[in-house]
Amino acid sequence: MACTSLMEEKQSGKRQQTNVWCDGCYDMCHFGHANSLRQAKAMGGYLIVGVHSDVEVTLHKGPPVFTEQERYKMVRAIKWVDEVVEDAPYVTTLETLDKYNCEFVVHGDDITMTADGTDTYHIVKSAGRYKECKRTQGVSTTDLVGRMLLMTKSHHQSSLNFSKEEAGEIGVVRSDYLFRKHL
């Protein structure tokens, strides 16, 4: 196959796409994940996303909320994703990038570490095959779990703050939690 210049590609209407690699747990897939994948897609043309297995996620971060099969499906549903690689290695290597013909990996501007504290992108960073995108502030799986826990607690304290009599009138089943401050 002959090499063509950018000018020739532009004139012929055929522009060679750059394969871009992203990887992650993608547990409780949210807008922050989608936004980082949108940014990564804009840096290349064809976006390949590696999703870590339950075993890898559990080893390095703790057990995921969603199973790997659920996480694979969630990532496939994101419109900027062209291909999903299941059971991607937790530490991104040059071999992984080369296997999928990816020029570079893209990750948010937050550091991801292995269980022993090693930067998961140290190999590709030292090879100059790493690019960063802006992390979506205030939206991370950890933030969302914290918000859900706080909302649940405040929800029970404010929404369900009624007397035993009121609860009986509307058919709420008694629980020690609901009536703790009324006993």
Protein backbone atom coordinates (compact mmCIF):
# COMPACT_ATOMS: atom_id res chain seq x y z
CA MET A 1 0.00 0.00 0.00
CA ALA A 2 1.49 3.31 -1.05
CA CYS A 3 1.71 6.19 1.41
CA THR A 4 -0.35 9.24 0.52
CA SER A 5 0.14 12.77 1.70
CA LEU A 6 -2.46 14.62 3.75
CA MET A 7 -3.14 16.81 0.70
CA GLU A 8 -3.82 13.75 -1.49
CA GLU A 9 -6.10 12.26 1.18
CA LYS A 10 -8.01 15.53 1.43
CA GLN A 11 -8.39 15.79 -2.36
CA SER A 12 -9.58 12.21 -2.69
CA GLY A 13 -11.94 12.59 0.27
CA LYS A 14 -10.28 9.66 2.02
CA ARG A 15 -8.70 10.61 5.30
CA GLN A 16 -6.98 7.86 7.23
CA GLN A 17 -8.43 7.48 10.68
CA THR A 18 -6.29 7.43 13.79
CA ASN A 19 -7.14 4.63 16.19
CA VAL A 20 -7.41 5.90 19.77
CA TRP A 21 -7.43 3.69 22.89
CA CYS A 22 -9.26 4.39 26.13
CA ASP A 23 -9.71 1.98 28.98
CA GLY A 24 -11.30 1.86 32.38
CA CYS A 25 -13.70 0.18 34.76
CA TYR A 26 -16.72 2.19 33.57
CA ASP A 27 -18.66 1.12 36.65
CA MET A 28 -21.94 2.99 37.08
CA CYS A 29 -21.34 4.51 33.65
CA HIS A 30 -22.21 8.22 33.76
CA PHE A 31 -21.85 11.48 31.84
CA GLY A 32 -18.24 11.91 32.98
CA HIS A 33 -17.33 8.64 31.26
CA ALA A 34 -19.22 9.59 28.10
CA ASN A 35 -17.65 13.05 28.06
CA SER A 36 -14.11 11.66 28.29
CA LEU A 37 -14.88 9.23 25.45
CA ARG A 38 -16.30 12.10 23.38
CA GLN A 39 -13.08 14.04 23.89
CA ALA A 40 -10.95 11.01 23.04
CA LYS A 41 -12.90 10.36 19.84
CA ALA A 42 -12.28 13.97 18.79
CA MET A 43 -8.51 13.37 19.08
CA GLY A 44 -8.58 10.59 16.50
CA GLY A 45 -11.16 8.95 14.33
CA TYR A 46 -11.79 5.44 15.55
CA LEU A 47 -12.26 4.90 19.29
CA ILE A 48 -11.46 1.55 20.87
CA VAL A 49 -12.41 1.22 24.53
CA GLY A 50 -11.01 -1.47 26.79
CA VAL A 51 -13.16 -2.42 29.76
CA HIS A 52 -11.51 -4.14 32.73
CA SER A 53 -12.84 -7.44 34.06
CA ASP A 54 -14.52 -7.86 37.44
CA VAL A 55 -11.38 -9.62 38.70
CA GLU A 56 -9.09 -6.72 37.70
CA VAL A 57 -11.43 -4.06 39.09
CA THR A 58 -11.82 -5.93 42.38
CA LEU A 59 -8.06 -6.40 42.72
CA HIS A 60 -7.19 -2.74 42.13
CA LYS A 61 -10.23 -0.73 43.25
CA GLY A 62 -12.67 -3.01 45.04
CA PRO A 63 -15.73 -4.87 43.79
CA PRO A 64 -17.68 -3.15 41.01
CA VAL A 65 -21.38 -2.37 41.35
CA PHE A 66 -22.16 -3.62 37.82
CA THR A 67 -20.90 -6.92 36.42
CA GLU A 68 -18.40 -6.88 33.59
CA GLN A 69 -21.11 -7.99 31.14
CA GLU A 70 -23.29 -5.05 32.19
CA ARG A 71 -20.34 -2.66 31.93
CA TYR A 72 -19.45 -3.95 28.44
CA LYS A 73 -23.04 -3.27 27.32
CA MET A 74 -23.10 0.21 28.87
CA VAL A 75 -19.89 1.24 27.12
CA ARG A 76 -21.10 -0.18 23.78
CA ALA A 77 -24.17 2.05 24.11
CA ILE A 78 -22.09 5.26 24.12
CA LYS A 79 -22.32 6.80 20.68
CA TRP A 80 -18.66 7.79 20.39
CA VAL A 81 -17.40 4.24 20.97
CA ASP A 82 -16.54 2.30 17.82
CA GLU A 83 -15.29 -0.91 19.42
CA VAL A 84 -15.16 -2.46 22.91
CA VAL A 85 -12.37 -4.76 24.07
CA GLU A 86 -13.52 -6.99 26.91
CA ASP A 87 -11.17 -7.95 29.77
CA ALA A 88 -8.67 -5.21 28.95
CA PRO A 89 -5.49 -5.22 31.06
CA TYR A 90 -5.55 -2.82 34.02
CA VAL A 91 -2.09 -1.46 33.14
CA THR A 92 -2.01 -0.14 29.57
CA THR A 93 0.97 -1.48 27.64
CA LEU A 94 2.54 -0.74 24.28
CA GLU A 95 1.61 -4.28 23.23
CA THR A 96 -2.07 -3.49 23.81
CA LEU A 97 -1.87 -0.28 21.77
CA ASP A 98 -0.01 -2.08 18.98
CA LYS A 99 -2.39 -5.07 18.96
CA TYR A 100 -5.31 -2.71 18.19
CA ASN A 101 -3.25 -0.37 15.96
CA CYS A 102 -3.79 2.56 18.32
CA GLU A 103 -1.47 5.53 18.06
CA PHE A 104 -2.04 6.61 21.65
CA VAL A 105 -4.19 6.24 24.75
CA VAL A 106 -6.41 9.00 26.15
CA HIS A 107 -7.34 9.33 29.81
CA GLY A 108 -8.69 12.05 32.05
CA ASP A 109 -6.38 14.35 33.98
CA ASP A 110 -6.74 12.27 37.15
CA ILE A 111 -4.14 9.63 38.02
CA THR A 112 -5.21 5.97 38.00
CA MET A 113 -3.16 3.63 40.17
CA THR A 114 -2.80 -0.09 40.61
CA ALA A 115 -3.30 -1.70 44.01
CA ASP A 116 0.44 -1.24 44.72
CA GLY A 117 0.41 2.47 43.80
CA THR A 118 1.83 2.28 40.26
CA ASP A 119 0.49 4.69 37.63
CA THR A 120 -1.46 2.48 35.21
CA TYR A 121 -0.26 4.57 32.26
CA HIS A 122 3.44 4.81 33.17
CA ILE A 123 4.56 2.63 30.24
CA VAL A 124 2.67 4.53 27.52
CA LYS A 125 3.54 7.89 29.09
CA SER A 126 7.27 7.14 28.93
CA ALA A 127 6.86 6.09 25.28
CA GLY A 128 5.10 9.35 24.38
CA ARG A 129 1.85 7.58 23.51
CA TYR A 130 -0.39 9.16 26.15
CA LYS A 131 -2.76 12.14 25.87
CA GLU A 132 -5.04 13.69 28.45
CA CYS A 133 -8.55 15.01 28.26
CA LYS A 134 -10.33 17.19 30.79
CA ARG A 135 -12.12 15.35 33.55
CA THR A 136 -15.75 16.36 34.07
CA GLN A 137 -15.66 18.10 37.45
CA GLY A 138 -18.00 16.81 40.14
CA VAL A 139 -18.91 13.66 38.22
CA SER A 140 -17.09 10.48 39.16
CA THR A 141 -18.30 7.11 40.31
CA THR A 142 -16.90 7.81 43.78
CA ASP A 143 -18.68 11.19 43.90
CA LEU A 144 -21.95 9.63 42.73
CA VAL A 145 -21.82 6.85 45.32
CA GLY A 146 -21.18 9.45 48.02
CA ARG A 147 -24.05 11.60 46.78
CA MET A 148 -26.39 8.59 46.74
CA LEU A 149 -25.46 7.68 50.30
CA LEU A 150 -26.00 11.25 51.49
CA MET A 151 -29.28 11.56 49.59
CA THR A 152 -30.56 8.31 51.00
CA LYS A 153 -29.79 9.39 54.56
CA SER A 154 -31.24 12.88 54.14
CA HIS A 155 -34.21 11.48 52.23
CA HIS A 156 -35.09 9.18 55.12
CA GLN A 157 -34.58 11.94 57.65
CA SER A 158 -36.70 14.55 55.86
CA SER A 159 -39.18 12.70 53.64
CA LEU A 160 -40.13 10.07 56.17
CA ASN A 161 -40.25 12.31 59.21
CA PHE A 162 -43.79 11.65 60.37
CA SER A 163 -45.40 10.29 63.52
CA LYS A 164 -46.47 6.72 64.18
CA GLU A 165 -50.09 7.79 63.77
CA GLU A 166 -49.42 9.46 60.40
CA ALA A 167 -47.53 6.39 59.23
CA GLY A 168 -50.43 4.14 60.19
CA GLU A 169 -52.90 6.37 58.33
CA ILE A 170 -50.99 6.15 55.06
CA GLY A 171 -50.11 2.46 55.41
CA VAL A 172 -46.37 2.68 56.02
CA VAL A 173 -44.98 -0.49 57.52
CA ARG A 174 -43.31 0.18 60.86
CA SER A 175 -39.56 -0.04 61.02
CA ASP A 176 -37.25 0.86 63.89
CA TYR A 177 -35.33 3.13 61.54
CA LEU A 178 -38.34 5.17 60.52
CA PHE A 179 -39.55 5.71 64.04
CA ARG A 180 -36.28 5.84 65.92
CA LYS A 181 -36.65 9.43 67.05
CA HIS A 182 -40.32 8.95 67.94
CA LEU A 183 -39.80 6.03 70.36
